[in-house]
Structures are given as C-alpha cells and as structure tokens.
All heavy atoms as atom14 arrays in JSON, in Angstrom:
{
  "sequence": "YRQAPGTQRELVARITGDGISNYADSVKDRFTIFRD",
  "atom14_mask": [
    [1, 1, 1, 1, 1, 1, 1, 1, 1, 1, 1, 1, 0, 0],
    [1, 1, 1, 1, 1, 1, 1, 1, 1, 1, 1, 0, 0, 0],
    [1, 1, 1, 1, 1, 1, 1, 1, 1, 0, 0, 0, 0, 0],
    [1, 1, 1, 1, 1, 0, 0, 0, 0, 0, 0, 0, 0, 0],
    [1, 1, 1, 1, 1, 1, 1, 0, 0, 0, 0, 0, 0, 0],
    [1, 1, 1, 1, 0, 0, 0, 0, 0, 0, 0, 0, 0, 0],
    [1, 1, 1, 1, 1, 1, 1, 0, 0, 0, 0, 0, 0, 0],
    [1, 1, 1, 1, 1, 1, 1, 1, 1, 0, 0, 0, 0, 0],
    [1, 1, 1, 1, 1, 1, 1, 1, 1, 1, 1, 0, 0, 0],
    [1, 1, 1, 1, 1, 1, 1, 1, 1, 0, 0, 0, 0, 0],
    [1, 1, 1, 1, 1, 1, 1, 1, 0, 0, 0, 0, 0, 0],
    [1, 1, 1, 1, 1, 1, 1, 0, 0, 0, 0, 0, 0, 0],
    [1, 1, 1, 1, 1, 0, 0, 0, 0, 0, 0, 0, 0, 0],
    [1, 1, 1, 1, 1, 1, 1, 1, 1, 1, 1, 0, 0, 0],
    [1, 1, 1, 1, 1, 1, 1, 1, 0, 0, 0, 0, 0, 0],
    [1, 1, 1, 1, 1, 1, 1, 0, 0, 0, 0, 0, 0, 0],
    [1, 1, 1, 1, 0, 0, 0, 0, 0, 0, 0, 0, 0, 0],
    [1, 1, 1, 1, 1, 1, 1, 1, 0, 0, 0, 0, 0, 0],
    [1, 1, 1, 1, 0, 0, 0, 0, 0, 0, 0, 0, 0, 0],
    [1, 1, 1, 1, 1, 1, 1, 1, 0, 0, 0, 0, 0, 0],
    [1, 1, 1, 1, 1, 1, 0, 0, 0, 0, 0, 0, 0, 0],
    [1, 1, 1, 1, 1, 1, 1, 1, 0, 0, 0, 0, 0, 0],
    [1, 1, 1, 1, 1, 1, 1, 1, 1, 1, 1, 1, 0, 0],
    [1, 1, 1, 1, 1, 0, 0, 0, 0, 0, 0, 0, 0, 0],
    [1, 1, 1, 1, 1, 1, 1, 1, 0, 0, 0, 0, 0, 0],
    [1, 1, 1, 1, 1, 1, 0, 0, 0, 0, 0, 0, 0, 0],
    [1, 1, 1, 1, 1, 1, 1, 0, 0, 0, 0, 0, 0, 0],
    [1, 1, 1, 1, 1, 1, 1, 1, 1, 0, 0, 0, 0, 0],
    [1, 1, 1, 1, 1, 1, 1, 1, 0, 0, 0, 0, 0, 0],
    [1, 1, 1, 1, 1, 1, 1, 1, 1, 1, 1, 0, 0, 0],
    [1, 1, 1, 1, 1, 1, 1, 1, 1, 1, 1, 0, 0, 0],
    [1, 1, 1, 1, 1, 1, 1, 0, 0, 0, 0, 0, 0, 0],
    [1, 1, 1, 1, 1, 1, 1, 1, 0, 0, 0, 0, 0, 0],
    [1, 1, 1, 1, 1, 1, 1, 1, 1, 1, 1, 0, 0, 0],
    [1, 1, 1, 1, 1, 1, 1, 1, 1, 1, 1, 0, 0, 0],
    [1, 1, 1, 1, 1, 1, 1, 1, 0, 0, 0, 0, 0, 0]
  ],
  "atom14_positions": [
    [[113.42, 108.51, 125.32], [114.09, 109.57, 124.59], [113.59, 110.89, 125.14], [112.57, 110.94, 125.83], [113.76, 109.49, 123.1], [114.4, 108.32, 122.38], [113.98, 107.01, 122.62], [115.42, 108.52, 121.45], [114.56, 105.94, 121.96], [116.0, 107.46, 120.78], [115.57, 106.18, 121.05], [116.15, 105.12, 120.39], [0.0, 0.0, 0.0], [0.0, 0.0, 0.0]],
    [[114.3, 111.96, 124.82], [113.82, 113.28, 125.24], [114.13, 114.31, 124.17], [115.05, 114.14, 123.37], [114.44, 113.69, 126.57], [115.94, 113.95, 126.53], [116.47, 114.22, 127.94], [117.9, 114.51, 127.95], [118.62, 114.63, 129.06], [118.05, 114.5, 130.26], [119.91, 114.89, 128.98], [0.0, 0.0, 0.0], [0.0, 0.0, 0.0], [0.0, 0.0, 0.0]],
    [[113.34, 115.36, 124.2], [113.52, 116.45, 123.24], [113.26, 117.77, 123.93], [112.16, 118.02, 124.42], [112.59, 116.27, 122.04], [112.84, 117.26, 120.93], [112.09, 116.89, 119.66], [111.13, 116.12, 119.69], [112.53, 117.41, 118.54], [0.0, 0.0, 0.0], [0.0, 0.0, 0.0], [0.0, 0.0, 0.0], [0.0, 0.0, 0.0], [0.0, 0.0, 0.0]],
    [[114.29, 118.6, 123.95], [114.16, 119.94, 124.48], [113.84, 120.9, 123.32], [114.13, 120.58, 122.16], [115.46, 120.36, 125.17], [0.0, 0.0, 0.0], [0.0, 0.0, 0.0], [0.0, 0.0, 0.0], [0.0, 0.0, 0.0], [0.0, 0.0, 0.0], [0.0, 0.0, 0.0], [0.0, 0.0, 0.0], [0.0, 0.0, 0.0], [0.0, 0.0, 0.0]],
    [[113.26, 122.06, 123.6], [112.92, 123.0, 122.52], [114.14, 123.35, 121.67], [115.22, 123.64, 122.2], [112.42, 124.23, 123.29], [111.9, 123.68, 124.57], [112.81, 122.53, 124.91], [0.0, 0.0, 0.0], [0.0, 0.0, 0.0], [0.0, 0.0, 0.0], [0.0, 0.0, 0.0], [0.0, 0.0, 0.0], [0.0, 0.0, 0.0], [0.0, 0.0, 0.0]],
    [[113.97, 123.27, 120.36], [115.04, 123.64, 119.44], [116.12, 122.6, 119.29], [117.16, 122.88, 118.66], [0.0, 0.0, 0.0], [0.0, 0.0, 0.0], [0.0, 0.0, 0.0], [0.0, 0.0, 0.0], [0.0, 0.0, 0.0], [0.0, 0.0, 0.0], [0.0, 0.0, 0.0], [0.0, 0.0, 0.0], [0.0, 0.0, 0.0], [0.0, 0.0, 0.0]],
    [[115.91, 121.41, 119.84], [116.92, 120.36, 119.73], [116.31, 119.11, 119.11], [115.09, 118.97, 119.02], [117.53, 120.0, 121.09], [116.53, 119.34, 121.89], [118.03, 121.24, 121.82], [0.0, 0.0, 0.0], [0.0, 0.0, 0.0], [0.0, 0.0, 0.0], [0.0, 0.0, 0.0], [0.0, 0.0, 0.0], [0.0, 0.0, 0.0], [0.0, 0.0, 0.0]],
    [[117.18, 118.19, 118.72], [116.71, 116.91, 118.19], [116.39, 115.96, 119.33], [116.94, 116.08, 120.42], [117.78, 116.3, 117.28], [117.99, 117.02, 115.97], [118.92, 116.27, 115.04], [119.83, 115.57, 115.48], [118.7, 116.41, 113.74], [0.0, 0.0, 0.0], [0.0, 0.0, 0.0], [0.0, 0.0, 0.0], [0.0, 0.0, 0.0], [0.0, 0.0, 0.0]],
    [[115.51, 115.04, 119.04], [115.2, 114.01, 120.02], [116.43, 113.15, 120.24], [117.11, 112.74, 119.28], [114.01, 113.16, 119.54], [113.42, 112.27, 120.59], [112.14, 111.62, 120.09], [111.1, 112.6, 119.78], [109.85, 112.28, 119.48], [109.48, 111.0, 119.44], [108.96, 113.21, 119.2], [0.0, 0.0, 0.0], [0.0, 0.0, 0.0], [0.0, 0.0, 0.0]],
    [[116.72, 112.86, 121.5], [117.93, 112.09, 121.81], [117.6, 110.92, 122.73], [116.67, 110.98, 123.54], [118.97, 112.98, 122.49], [118.54, 113.55, 123.83], [119.63, 114.34, 124.53], [120.73, 114.49, 123.96], [119.4, 114.8, 125.67], [0.0, 0.0, 0.0], [0.0, 0.0, 0.0], [0.0, 0.0, 0.0], [0.0, 0.0, 0.0], [0.0, 0.0, 0.0]],
    [[118.4, 109.89, 122.59], [118.24, 108.71, 123.44], [118.68, 109.05, 124.86], [119.74, 109.63, 125.08], [119.08, 107.56, 122.91], [119.14, 106.31, 123.79], [117.77, 105.63, 123.83], [120.2, 105.35, 123.27], [0.0, 0.0, 0.0], [0.0, 0.0, 0.0], [0.0, 0.0, 0.0], [0.0, 0.0, 0.0], [0.0, 0.0, 0.0], [0.0, 0.0, 0.0]],
    [[117.87, 108.63, 125.81], [118.22, 108.77, 127.23], [118.68, 107.43, 127.77], [119.75, 107.3, 128.35], [117.03, 109.29, 128.05], [117.38, 109.34, 129.54], [116.59, 110.66, 127.55], [0.0, 0.0, 0.0], [0.0, 0.0, 0.0], [0.0, 0.0, 0.0], [0.0, 0.0, 0.0], [0.0, 0.0, 0.0], [0.0, 0.0, 0.0], [0.0, 0.0, 0.0]],
    [[117.85, 106.41, 127.57], [118.18, 105.07, 128.07], [117.33, 104.06, 127.31], [116.23, 104.37, 126.85], [117.9, 104.98, 129.57], [0.0, 0.0, 0.0], [0.0, 0.0, 0.0], [0.0, 0.0, 0.0], [0.0, 0.0, 0.0], [0.0, 0.0, 0.0], [0.0, 0.0, 0.0], [0.0, 0.0, 0.0], [0.0, 0.0, 0.0], [0.0, 0.0, 0.0]],
    [[117.87, 102.83, 127.22], [117.13, 101.78, 126.57], [117.44, 100.48, 127.29], [118.5, 100.33, 127.91], [117.48, 101.67, 125.08], [118.92, 101.35, 124.8], [119.32, 101.67, 123.35], [118.65, 100.86, 122.37], [119.13, 99.72, 121.89], [120.28, 99.24, 122.35], [118.48, 99.04, 120.95], [0.0, 0.0, 0.0], [0.0, 0.0, 0.0], [0.0, 0.0, 0.0]],
    [[116.49, 99.55, 127.17], [116.67, 98.26, 127.84], [116.13, 97.17, 126.95], [115.05, 97.3, 126.36], [115.99, 98.26, 129.24], [116.28, 96.97, 129.99], [114.49, 98.51, 129.13], [115.9, 97.03, 131.47], [0.0, 0.0, 0.0], [0.0, 0.0, 0.0], [0.0, 0.0, 0.0], [0.0, 0.0, 0.0], [0.0, 0.0, 0.0], [0.0, 0.0, 0.0]],
    [[116.88, 96.08, 126.82], [116.47, 94.97, 125.98], [115.6, 93.99, 126.76], [115.47, 94.08, 127.98], [117.69, 94.22, 125.43], [118.32, 93.54, 126.53], [118.68, 95.17, 124.78], [0.0, 0.0, 0.0], [0.0, 0.0, 0.0], [0.0, 0.0, 0.0], [0.0, 0.0, 0.0], [0.0, 0.0, 0.0], [0.0, 0.0, 0.0], [0.0, 0.0, 0.0]],
    [[115.05, 93.04, 126.04], [114.27, 92.01, 126.69], [115.09, 91.16, 127.65], [114.54, 90.58, 128.59], [0.0, 0.0, 0.0], [0.0, 0.0, 0.0], [0.0, 0.0, 0.0], [0.0, 0.0, 0.0], [0.0, 0.0, 0.0], [0.0, 0.0, 0.0], [0.0, 0.0, 0.0], [0.0, 0.0, 0.0], [0.0, 0.0, 0.0], [0.0, 0.0, 0.0]],
    [[116.41, 91.13, 127.44], [117.31, 90.39, 128.32], [117.72, 91.2, 129.54], [118.49, 90.72, 130.36], [118.57, 89.98, 127.56], [118.26, 89.01, 126.44], [117.26, 88.28, 126.55], [119.01, 88.99, 125.44], [0.0, 0.0, 0.0], [0.0, 0.0, 0.0], [0.0, 0.0, 0.0], [0.0, 0.0, 0.0], [0.0, 0.0, 0.0], [0.0, 0.0, 0.0]],
    [[117.24, 92.46, 129.58], [117.58, 93.29, 130.73], [118.86, 94.08, 130.59], [119.32, 94.68, 131.56], [0.0, 0.0, 0.0], [0.0, 0.0, 0.0], [0.0, 0.0, 0.0], [0.0, 0.0, 0.0], [0.0, 0.0, 0.0], [0.0, 0.0, 0.0], [0.0, 0.0, 0.0], [0.0, 0.0, 0.0], [0.0, 0.0, 0.0], [0.0, 0.0, 0.0]],
    [[119.43, 94.11, 129.4], [120.65, 94.88, 129.17], [120.27, 96.33, 128.91], [119.44, 96.61, 128.05], [121.44, 94.31, 127.99], [121.86, 92.87, 128.3], [122.66, 95.17, 127.7], [122.47, 92.15, 127.13], [0.0, 0.0, 0.0], [0.0, 0.0, 0.0], [0.0, 0.0, 0.0], [0.0, 0.0, 0.0], [0.0, 0.0, 0.0], [0.0, 0.0, 0.0]],
    [[120.89, 97.23, 129.64], [120.53, 98.64, 129.52], [121.72, 99.48, 129.05], [122.88, 99.12, 129.27], [120.01, 99.17, 130.86], [120.97, 98.97, 131.88], [0.0, 0.0, 0.0], [0.0, 0.0, 0.0], [0.0, 0.0, 0.0], [0.0, 0.0, 0.0], [0.0, 0.0, 0.0], [0.0, 0.0, 0.0], [0.0, 0.0, 0.0], [0.0, 0.0, 0.0]],
    [[121.37, 100.56, 128.38], [122.37, 101.54, 127.91], [121.87, 102.93, 128.25], [120.66, 103.17, 128.24], [122.58, 101.42, 126.41], [123.03, 100.04, 125.98], [122.22, 99.23, 125.55], [124.3, 99.77, 126.14], [0.0, 0.0, 0.0], [0.0, 0.0, 0.0], [0.0, 0.0, 0.0], [0.0, 0.0, 0.0], [0.0, 0.0, 0.0], [0.0, 0.0, 0.0]],
    [[122.81, 103.82, 128.51], [122.44, 105.18, 128.91], [123.25, 106.22, 128.12], [124.41, 105.98, 127.74], [122.72, 105.39, 130.4], [121.91, 104.51, 131.3], [122.37, 103.26, 131.68], [120.66, 104.93, 131.76], [121.61, 102.44, 132.5], [119.89, 104.11, 132.59], [120.37, 102.87, 132.95], [119.61, 102.07, 133.77], [0.0, 0.0, 0.0], [0.0, 0.0, 0.0]],
    [[122.64, 107.37, 127.93], [123.39, 108.5, 127.42], [124.41, 108.92, 128.48], [124.15, 108.81, 129.69], [122.45, 109.66, 127.1], [0.0, 0.0, 0.0], [0.0, 0.0, 0.0], [0.0, 0.0, 0.0], [0.0, 0.0, 0.0], [0.0, 0.0, 0.0], [0.0, 0.0, 0.0], [0.0, 0.0, 0.0], [0.0, 0.0, 0.0], [0.0, 0.0, 0.0]],
    [[125.55, 109.41, 128.03], [126.59, 109.81, 128.98], [126.09, 110.87, 129.96], [126.48, 110.89, 131.12], [127.81, 110.34, 128.23], [128.59, 109.25, 127.53], [128.4, 108.07, 127.89], [129.38, 109.58, 126.62], [0.0, 0.0, 0.0], [0.0, 0.0, 0.0], [0.0, 0.0, 0.0], [0.0, 0.0, 0.0], [0.0, 0.0, 0.0], [0.0, 0.0, 0.0]],
    [[125.2, 111.71, 129.47], [124.73, 112.83, 130.3], [123.86, 112.39, 131.47], [123.65, 113.17, 132.4], [123.95, 113.82, 129.43], [122.84, 113.18, 128.82], [0.0, 0.0, 0.0], [0.0, 0.0, 0.0], [0.0, 0.0, 0.0], [0.0, 0.0, 0.0], [0.0, 0.0, 0.0], [0.0, 0.0, 0.0], [0.0, 0.0, 0.0], [0.0, 0.0, 0.0]],
    [[123.36, 111.15, 131.45], [122.48, 110.7, 132.52], [123.02, 109.51, 133.28], [122.4, 109.06, 134.25], [121.06, 110.37, 131.99], [120.48, 111.56, 131.22], [121.07, 109.11, 131.14], [0.0, 0.0, 0.0], [0.0, 0.0, 0.0], [0.0, 0.0, 0.0], [0.0, 0.0, 0.0], [0.0, 0.0, 0.0], [0.0, 0.0, 0.0], [0.0, 0.0, 0.0]],
    [[124.16, 108.99, 132.86], [124.74, 107.84, 133.55], [124.94, 108.15, 135.03], [125.35, 109.25, 135.38], [126.08, 107.46, 132.92], [125.96, 106.59, 131.68], [127.34, 106.25, 131.11], [127.2, 105.43, 129.85], [128.52, 105.15, 129.25], [0.0, 0.0, 0.0], [0.0, 0.0, 0.0], [0.0, 0.0, 0.0], [0.0, 0.0, 0.0], [0.0, 0.0, 0.0]],
    [[124.66, 107.17, 135.84], [124.8, 107.28, 137.3], [123.74, 108.16, 137.94], [123.75, 108.33, 139.16], [126.19, 107.8, 137.69], [127.32, 106.92, 137.2], [127.13, 105.69, 137.18], [128.37, 107.46, 136.81], [0.0, 0.0, 0.0], [0.0, 0.0, 0.0], [0.0, 0.0, 0.0], [0.0, 0.0, 0.0], [0.0, 0.0, 0.0], [0.0, 0.0, 0.0]],
    [[122.83, 108.71, 137.14], [121.74, 109.5, 137.7], [120.37, 108.9, 137.37], [119.43, 108.99, 138.18], [121.78, 110.94, 137.17], [123.03, 111.71, 137.54], [122.9, 113.19, 137.19], [122.69, 113.42, 135.77], [121.64, 114.06, 135.27], [120.7, 114.54, 136.07], [121.54, 114.26, 133.96], [0.0, 0.0, 0.0], [0.0, 0.0, 0.0], [0.0, 0.0, 0.0]],
    [[120.25, 108.3, 136.19], [118.98, 107.73, 135.75], [119.09, 106.21, 135.7], [120.16, 105.66, 135.41], [118.63, 108.23, 134.34], [118.25, 109.68, 134.24], [118.44, 110.57, 135.31], [117.72, 110.18, 133.07], [118.1, 111.9, 135.2], [117.37, 111.51, 132.95], [117.56, 112.38, 134.02], [0.0, 0.0, 0.0], [0.0, 0.0, 0.0], [0.0, 0.0, 0.0]],
    [[117.97, 105.56, 135.95], [117.91, 104.1, 135.86], [116.65, 103.7, 135.11], [115.55, 104.14, 135.45], [117.89, 103.46, 137.26], [119.06, 103.88, 137.99], [117.89, 101.94, 137.15], [0.0, 0.0, 0.0], [0.0, 0.0, 0.0], [0.0, 0.0, 0.0], [0.0, 0.0, 0.0], [0.0, 0.0, 0.0], [0.0, 0.0, 0.0], [0.0, 0.0, 0.0]],
    [[116.82, 102.84, 134.11], [115.68, 102.31, 133.38], [115.45, 100.88, 133.85], [116.41, 100.11, 134.04], [115.91, 102.36, 131.85], [114.66, 101.93, 131.09], [117.13, 101.54, 131.43], [114.75, 102.18, 129.59], [0.0, 0.0, 0.0], [0.0, 0.0, 0.0], [0.0, 0.0, 0.0], [0.0, 0.0, 0.0], [0.0, 0.0, 0.0], [0.0, 0.0, 0.0]],
    [[114.21, 100.53, 134.07], [113.9, 99.16, 134.44], [112.49, 98.83, 133.97], [111.67, 99.71, 133.7], [114.07, 98.92, 135.95], [113.22, 99.78, 136.84], [112.04, 99.28, 137.4], [113.59, 101.09, 137.16], [111.27, 100.05, 138.23], [112.81, 101.87, 138.0], [111.65, 101.35, 138.54], [0.0, 0.0, 0.0], [0.0, 0.0, 0.0], [0.0, 0.0, 0.0]],
    [[112.24, 97.53, 133.87], [110.97, 97.09, 133.33], [110.3, 96.12, 134.28], [110.96, 95.31, 134.92], [111.16, 96.47, 131.95], [112.22, 95.4, 131.86], [112.68, 95.17, 130.41], [111.62, 94.62, 129.57], [111.69, 94.54, 128.24], [112.74, 95.02, 127.6], [110.71, 94.0, 127.54], [0.0, 0.0, 0.0], [0.0, 0.0, 0.0], [0.0, 0.0, 0.0]],
    [[109.0, 96.21, 134.34], [108.17, 95.28, 135.11], [107.3, 94.54, 134.11], [106.27, 95.05, 133.68], [107.34, 96.05, 136.14], [106.56, 95.12, 137.06], [106.27, 93.97, 136.66], [106.23, 95.55, 138.18], [0.0, 0.0, 0.0], [0.0, 0.0, 0.0], [0.0, 0.0, 0.0], [0.0, 0.0, 0.0], [0.0, 0.0, 0.0], [0.0, 0.0, 0.0]]
  ]
}
C-alpha cells in the first residue's frame, strides 16, 4: 500500500498464496508484485 501526504492509504498491489495478483489501475503495467 502507499500513502502520500494528505491522502488516504491506498492499495498498490496484492498477491495471494496461490500467486494471484491484483494491481491498482494507476500502476498496472508498470509495477510487479512477486514473492519468494
């Protein structure tokens, strides 16, 4: 998640134990979440 000054904390990306990931529209195609 991220929080800029004066704004609410927002989801950036999340990933489940099965490896399914979701992204905020603002970061799609630019950010990648992965787990080791």
